[in-house]
C-alpha atoms as a PDB file:
ATOM      1  CA  UNK A   1     123.200 127.426  19.646  1.00  0.00           C
ATOM      2  CA  UNK A   2     124.994 124.187  18.734  1.00  0.00           C
ATOM      3  CA  UNK A   3     126.376 123.948  22.237  1.00  0.00           C
ATOM      4  CA  UNK A   4     122.906 124.457  23.725  1.00  0.00           C
ATOM      5  CA  UNK A   5     121.477 121.686  21.544  1.00  0.00           C
ATOM      6  CA  UNK A   6     124.284 119.365  22.621  1.00  0.00           C
ATOM      7  CA  UNK A   7     123.544 120.006  26.296  1.00  0.00           C
ATOM      8  CA  UNK A   8     119.866 119.287  25.763  1.00  0.00           C
ATOM      9  CA  UNK A   9     120.611 115.877  24.270  1.00  0.00           C
ATOM     10  CA  UNK A  10     122.824 114.948  27.207  1.00  0.00           C
ATOM     11  CA  UNK A  11     120.389 116.144  29.877  1.00  0.00           C
ATOM     12  CA  UNK A  12     116.833 115.936  28.536  1.00  0.00           C
ATOM     13  CA  UNK A  13     115.202 115.528  31.932  1.00  0.00           C
ATOM     14  CA  UNK A  14     116.758 118.302  33.991  1.00  0.00           C
ATOM     15  CA  UNK A  15     117.300 121.030  31.395  1.00  0.00           C
ATOM     16  CA  UNK A  16     116.900 124.509  32.825  1.00  0.00           C
ATOM     17  CA  UNK A  17     114.754 126.856  30.747  1.00  0.00           C
ATOM     18  CA  UNK A  18     116.071 130.373  31.128  1.00  0.00           C
ATOM     19  CA  UNK A  19     113.926 133.158  29.791  1.00  0.00           C
ATOM     20  CA  UNK A  20     114.648 136.346  31.662  1.00  0.00           C
ATOM     21  CA  UNK A  21     113.975 139.787  30.242  1.00  0.00           C
ATOM     22  CA  UNK A  22     117.654 140.207  29.337  1.00  0.00           C
ATOM     23  CA  UNK A  23     117.818 137.132  27.107  1.00  0.00           C
ATOM     24  CA  UNK A  24     116.037 138.084  23.884  1.00  0.00           C
ATOM     25  CA  UNK A  25     117.273 135.048  21.921  1.00  0.00           C
ATOM     26  CA  UNK A  26     115.693 132.609  24.352  1.00  0.00           C
ATOM     27  CA  UNK A  27     112.473 134.613  24.521  1.00  0.00           C
ATOM     28  CA  UNK A  28     112.056 134.504  20.748  1.00  0.00           C
ATOM     29  CA  UNK A  29     113.134 130.915  20.095  1.00  0.00           C
ATOM     30  CA  UNK A  30     111.517 127.775  21.499  1.00  0.00           C
ATOM     31  CA  UNK A  31     113.665 125.855  23.978  1.00  0.00           C
ATOM     32  CA  UNK A  32     113.548 122.051  23.941  1.00  0.00           C
ATOM     33  CA  UNK A  33     113.248 120.917  27.540  1.00  0.00           C
ATOM     34  CA  UNK A  34     112.599 117.226  26.892  1.00  0.00           C
ATOM     35  CA  UNK A  35     113.279 114.955  23.910  1.00  0.00           C
ATOM     36  CA  UNK A  36     113.282 111.162  23.990  1.00  0.00           C
ATOM     37  CA  UNK A  37     112.648 110.603  20.271  1.00  0.00           C
ATOM     38  CA  UNK A  38     108.927 109.864  20.678  1.00  0.00           C
ATOM     39  CA  UNK A  39     108.022 113.057  22.527  1.00  0.00           C
ATOM     40  CA  UNK A  40     109.495 116.521  22.121  1.00  0.00           C
ATOM     41  CA  UNK A  41     108.532 119.171  24.669  1.00  0.00           C
ATOM     42  CA  UNK A  42     109.306 122.817  23.988  1.00  0.00           C
ATOM     43  CA  UNK A  43     108.668 126.095  25.785  1.00  0.00           C
ATOM     44  CA  UNK A  44     108.895 129.712  24.740  1.00  0.00           C
ATOM     45  CA  UNK A  45     108.750 132.760  27.004  1.00  0.00           C
ATOM     46  CA  UNK A  46     106.521 135.488  25.660  1.00  0.00           C
ATOM     47  CA  UNK A  47     106.358 138.365  28.121  1.00  0.00           C
ATOM     48  CA  UNK A  48     104.444 137.219  31.189  1.00  0.00           C
ATOM     49  CA  UNK A  49     103.484 133.866  29.639  1.00  0.00           C
ATOM     50  CA  UNK A  50     105.091 130.562  28.765  1.00  0.00           C
ATOM     51  CA  UNK A  51     103.926 128.770  25.639  1.00  0.00           C
ATOM     52  CA  UNK A  52     104.280 124.998  25.734  1.00  0.00           C
ATOM     53  CA  UNK A  53     104.448 122.786  22.660  1.00  0.00           C
ATOM     54  CA  UNK A  54     104.005 119.071  23.412  1.00  0.00           C
ATOM     55  CA  UNK A  55     104.844 117.141  20.244  1.00  0.00           C
ATOM     56  CA  UNK A  56     103.874 113.455  20.274  1.00  0.00           C
ATOM     57  CA  UNK A  57     105.728 112.607  17.045  1.00  0.00           C
ATOM     58  CA  UNK A  58     105.025 108.864  17.381  1.00  0.00           C
ATOM     59  CA  UNK A  59     101.223 109.325  17.737  1.00  0.00           C
ATOM     60  CA  UNK A  60     100.146 109.150  14.083  1.00  0.00           C
ATOM     61  CA  UNK A  61      96.463 108.357  14.667  1.00  0.00           C
ATOM     62  CA  UNK A  62      94.029 111.257  14.908  1.00  0.00           C
ATOM     63  CA  UNK A  63      92.562 111.326  18.383  1.00  0.00           C
ATOM     64  CA  UNK A  64      92.430 115.113  18.519  1.00  0.00           C
ATOM     65  CA  UNK A  65      88.643 115.208  18.873  1.00  0.00           C
ATOM     66  CA  UNK A  66      86.279 112.956  20.743  1.00  0.00           C
ATOM     67  CA  UNK A  67      85.500 111.713  24.184  1.00  0.00           C
ATOM     68  CA  UNK A  68      88.003 110.062  26.506  1.00  0.00           C
ATOM     69  CA  UNK A  69      89.311 107.337  26.134  1.00  0.00           C
ATOM     70  CA  UNK A  70      89.083 107.812  22.366  1.00  0.00           C
ATOM     71  CA  UNK A  71      90.969 111.098  22.387  1.00  0.00           C
ATOM     72  CA  UNK A  72      94.561 112.254  22.773  1.00  0.00           C
ATOM     73  CA  UNK A  73      95.090 114.572  25.730  1.00  0.00           C
ATOM     74  CA  UNK A  74      97.745 115.674  28.221  1.00  0.00           C
ATOM     75  CA  UNK A  75      98.036 116.407  31.909  1.00  0.00           C
ATOM     76  CA  UNK A  76     100.661 118.688  33.398  1.00  0.00           C
ATOM     77  CA  UNK A  77     101.373 118.360  37.102  1.00  0.00           C
ATOM     78  CA  UNK A  78     102.762 121.637  38.449  1.00  0.00           C
ATOM     79  CA  UNK A  79     104.918 121.648  41.590  1.00  0.00           C
ATOM     80  CA  UNK A  80     103.971 125.300  42.185  1.00  0.00           C
ATOM     81  CA  UNK A  81     106.406 125.894  45.046  1.00  0.00           C
ATOM     82  CA  UNK A  82     109.060 123.608  43.495  1.00  0.00           C
ATOM     83  CA  UNK A  83     109.693 121.601  46.683  1.00  0.00           C
ATOM     84  CA  UNK A  84     109.391 118.057  45.223  1.00  0.00           C
ATOM     85  CA  UNK A  85     106.323 117.137  47.278  1.00  0.00           C
ATOM     86  CA  UNK A  86     102.558 117.439  46.833  1.00  0.00           C
ATOM     87  CA  UNK A  87     101.197 120.370  48.797  1.00  0.00           C
ATOM     88  CA  UNK A  88      97.409 120.311  49.118  1.00  0.00           C
ATOM     89  CA  UNK A  89      95.660 123.313  47.546  1.00  0.00           C
ATOM     90  CA  UNK A  90      98.981 124.689  46.226  1.00  0.00           C
ATOM     91  CA  UNK A  91     100.224 122.335  43.501  1.00  0.00           C
ATOM     92  CA  UNK A  92      98.227 122.048  40.282  1.00  0.00           C
ATOM     93  CA  UNK A  93      97.064 119.744  37.526  1.00  0.00           C
ATOM     94  CA  UNK A  94      96.307 121.298  34.122  1.00  0.00           C
ATOM     95  CA  UNK A  95      94.510 119.398  31.361  1.00  0.00           C
ATOM     96  CA  UNK A  96      92.097 120.054  28.497  1.00  0.00           C
ATOM     97  CA  UNK A  97      88.467 119.000  28.621  1.00  0.00           C
ATOM     98  CA  UNK A  98      86.587 117.415  25.696  1.00  0.00           C
ATOM     99  CA  UNK A  99      85.189 120.828  24.700  1.00  0.00           C
ATOM    100  CA  UNK A 100      88.712 122.292  24.452  1.00  0.00           C
ATOM    101  CA  UNK A 101      88.614 124.405  27.605  1.00  0.00           C
ATOM    102  CA  UNK A 102      91.700 124.145  29.802  1.00  0.00           C
ATOM    103  CA  UNK A 103      90.880 122.860  33.286  1.00  0.00           C
ATOM    104  CA  UNK A 104      93.076 123.818  36.223  1.00  0.00           C
ATOM    105  CA  UNK A 105      92.626 121.967  39.509  1.00  0.00           C
ATOM    106  CA  UNK A 106      94.538 122.049  42.764  1.00  0.00           C
ATOM    107  CA  UNK A 107      95.986 118.767  43.949  1.00  0.00           C
ATOM    108  CA  UNK A 108      94.803 117.550  47.341  1.00  0.00           C
ATOM    109  CA  UNK A 109      96.711 114.245  47.220  1.00  0.00           C
ATOM    110  CA  UNK A 110      98.349 112.225  44.427  1.00  0.00           C
ATOM    111  CA  UNK A 111      94.913 110.897  43.485  1.00  0.00           C
ATOM    112  CA  UNK A 112      92.451 113.640  44.428  1.00  0.00           C
ATOM    113  CA  UNK A 113      91.859 117.225  43.310  1.00  0.00           C
ATOM    114  CA  UNK A 114      89.539 120.173  43.717  1.00  0.00           C
ATOM    115  CA  UNK A 115      87.007 120.936  40.970  1.00  0.00           C
ATOM    116  CA  UNK A 116      87.927 122.612  37.679  1.00  0.00           C
ATOM    117  CA  UNK A 117      88.531 126.300  37.377  1.00  0.00           C
ATOM    118  CA  UNK A 118      88.940 128.162  34.102  1.00  0.00           C
ATOM    119  CA  UNK A 119      90.854 131.323  33.275  1.00  0.00           C
ATOM    120  CA  UNK A 120      90.632 133.330  30.070  1.00  0.00           C
ATOM    121  CA  UNK A 121      94.398 133.841  30.049  1.00  0.00           C
ATOM    122  CA  UNK A 122      95.046 130.070  29.795  1.00  0.00           C
ATOM    123  CA  UNK A 123      94.586 128.838  26.240  1.00  0.00           C
ATOM    124  CA  UNK A 124      95.430 125.702  24.337  1.00  0.00           C
ATOM    125  CA  UNK A 125      94.613 123.409  21.457  1.00  0.00           C
ATOM    126  CA  UNK A 126      95.263 119.865  20.282  1.00  0.00           C
ATOM    127  CA  UNK A 127      96.084 119.401  16.607  1.00  0.00           C
ATOM    128  CA  UNK A 128      96.619 116.515  14.215  1.00  0.00           C
ATOM    129  CA  UNK A 129      99.157 117.987  11.828  1.00  0.00           C
ATOM    130  CA  UNK A 130     102.736 117.825  10.662  1.00  0.00           C
ATOM    131  CA  UNK A 131     105.297 119.959  12.499  1.00  0.00           C
ATOM    132  CA  UNK A 132     108.901 120.996  12.000  1.00  0.00           C
ATOM    133  CA  UNK A 133     109.881 117.792  13.787  1.00  0.00           C
ATOM    134  CA  UNK A 134     108.281 115.432  11.254  1.00  0.00           C
ATOM    135  CA  UNK A 135     106.427 115.863   7.994  1.00  0.00           C
ATOM    136  CA  UNK A 136     103.879 113.161   8.868  1.00  0.00           C
ATOM    137  CA  UNK A 137     100.661 114.253  10.572  1.00  0.00           C
ATOM    138  CA  UNK A 138     100.618 113.426  14.279  1.00  0.00           C
ATOM    139  CA  UNK A 139      99.225 114.685  17.584  1.00  0.00           C
ATOM    140  CA  UNK A 140     100.636 117.888  19.035  1.00  0.00           C
ATOM    141  CA  UNK A 141      99.387 120.104  21.834  1.00  0.00           C
ATOM    142  CA  UNK A 142      99.843 123.825  22.410  1.00  0.00           C
ATOM    143  CA  UNK A 143      99.268 125.525  25.747  1.00  0.00           C
ATOM    144  CA  UNK A 144      99.801 129.131  26.868  1.00  0.00           C
ATOM    145  CA  UNK A 145      99.986 129.869  30.618  1.00  0.00           C
ATOM    146  CA  UNK A 146     100.845 132.946  32.658  1.00  0.00           C
ATOM    147  CA  UNK A 147     104.069 132.427  34.596  1.00  0.00           C
ATOM    148  CA  UNK A 148     102.116 133.234  37.776  1.00  0.00           C
ATOM    149  CA  UNK A 149     100.002 130.092  37.237  1.00  0.00           C
ATOM    150  CA  UNK A 150     103.180 127.988  37.226  1.00  0.00           C
ATOM    151  CA  UNK A 151     104.959 129.513  40.211  1.00  0.00           C
ATOM    152  CA  UNK A 152     105.032 132.383  42.691  1.00  0.00           C
ATOM    153  CA  UNK A 153     108.776 132.554  42.046  1.00  0.00           C
ATOM    154  CA  UNK A 154     110.824 131.942  38.933  1.00  0.00           C
ATOM    155  CA  UNK A 155     111.118 128.152  38.859  1.00  0.00           C
ATOM    156  CA  UNK A 156     108.833 125.152  38.694  1.00  0.00           C
ATOM    157  CA  UNK A 157     108.974 121.370  38.573  1.00  0.00           C
ATOM    158  CA  UNK A 158     106.684 119.666  36.040  1.00  0.00           C
ATOM    159  CA  UNK A 159     105.545 116.168  35.260  1.00  0.00           C
ATOM    160  CA  UNK A 160     103.886 115.829  31.857  1.00  0.00           C
ATOM    161  CA  UNK A 161     101.574 112.944  30.992  1.00  0.00           C
ATOM    162  CA  UNK A 162     100.469 112.393  27.405  1.00  0.00           C
ATOM    163  CA  UNK A 163      97.591 110.073  26.554  1.00  0.00           C
ATOM    164  CA  UNK A 164      97.492 108.225  23.222  1.00  0.00           C
ATOM    165  CA  UNK A 165      94.081 106.667  22.563  1.00  0.00           C
ATOM    166  CA  UNK A 166      95.827 103.552  21.218  1.00  0.00           C
ATOM    167  CA  UNK A 167      98.663 103.029  23.717  1.00  0.00           C
ATOM    168  CA  UNK A 168      97.591 104.765  26.944  1.00  0.00           C
ATOM    169  CA  UNK A 169      99.477 107.134  29.248  1.00  0.00           C
ATOM    170  CA  UNK A 170     103.150 108.075  28.953  1.00  0.00           C
ATOM    171  CA  UNK A 171     104.720 109.980  31.860  1.00  0.00           C
ATOM    172  CA  UNK A 172     107.605 112.387  31.243  1.00  0.00           C
ATOM    173  CA  UNK A 173     110.210 112.369  32.560  1.00  0.00           C
ATOM    174  CA  UNK A 174     110.245 108.608  32.161  1.00  0.00           C
ATOM    175  CA  UNK A 175     110.174 107.100  35.617  1.00  0.00           C
ATOM    176  CA  UNK A 176     109.000 110.431  37.010  1.00  0.00           C
ATOM    177  CA  UNK A 177     106.473 110.633  39.769  1.00  0.00           C
ATOM    178  CA  UNK A 178     104.478 113.383  41.346  1.00  0.00           C
ATOM    179  CA  UNK A 179     106.823 115.053  42.402  1.00  0.00           C
ATOM    180  CA  UNK A 180     109.966 113.134  43.292  1.00  0.00           C
ATOM    181  CA  UNK A 181     111.408 113.438  39.794  1.00  0.00           C
ATOM    182  CA  UNK A 182     110.352 116.361  37.633  1.00  0.00           C
ATOM    183  CA  UNK A 183     111.326 118.400  34.597  1.00  0.00           C
ATOM    184  CA  UNK A 184     112.694 121.621  36.069  1.00  0.00           C
ATOM    185  CA  UNK A 185     112.167 125.005  34.426  1.00  0.00           C
ATOM    186  CA  UNK A 186     113.236 128.464  35.528  1.00  0.00           C
ATOM    187  CA  UNK A 187     112.864 131.939  34.116  1.00  0.00           C
END
């Protein structure tokens, strides 16, 4: 595990998440797929789902409830077919609404989407609490998605945007765009 942690620190943007049925250790333990000191992104494979943990360790003001722009939220852009380009009605944007429901929309262009759809098998929450990463209360998000929502295959490119009600949007990977530079995961 020390070697794995070392590789993550060297390559935080393009770390490959492996979580096949044969790899029990990875299925049971969260894998860090991005860490820049301010934001720590983890994923865990649990059967047919992937659980994401988006830890905004630097966001120490409670914006977990409320209406935008006075709330802390996230957006995950999903390059569903992992081809590094926006494909209308194929690639996705996933984000929570003010009432806590998780909205999934299909991208039409970089700036336009279809309307929200909701699925019972997509769940998430935003918390203001301490975590293993820091004892001080801060914003952290949890999201559980079926693998089939992320990709028809076994890999996906993601761009994660986190919104802090005090500082605005932060896009990860830093300098990433939709979808020229992504965080790549496979299972």
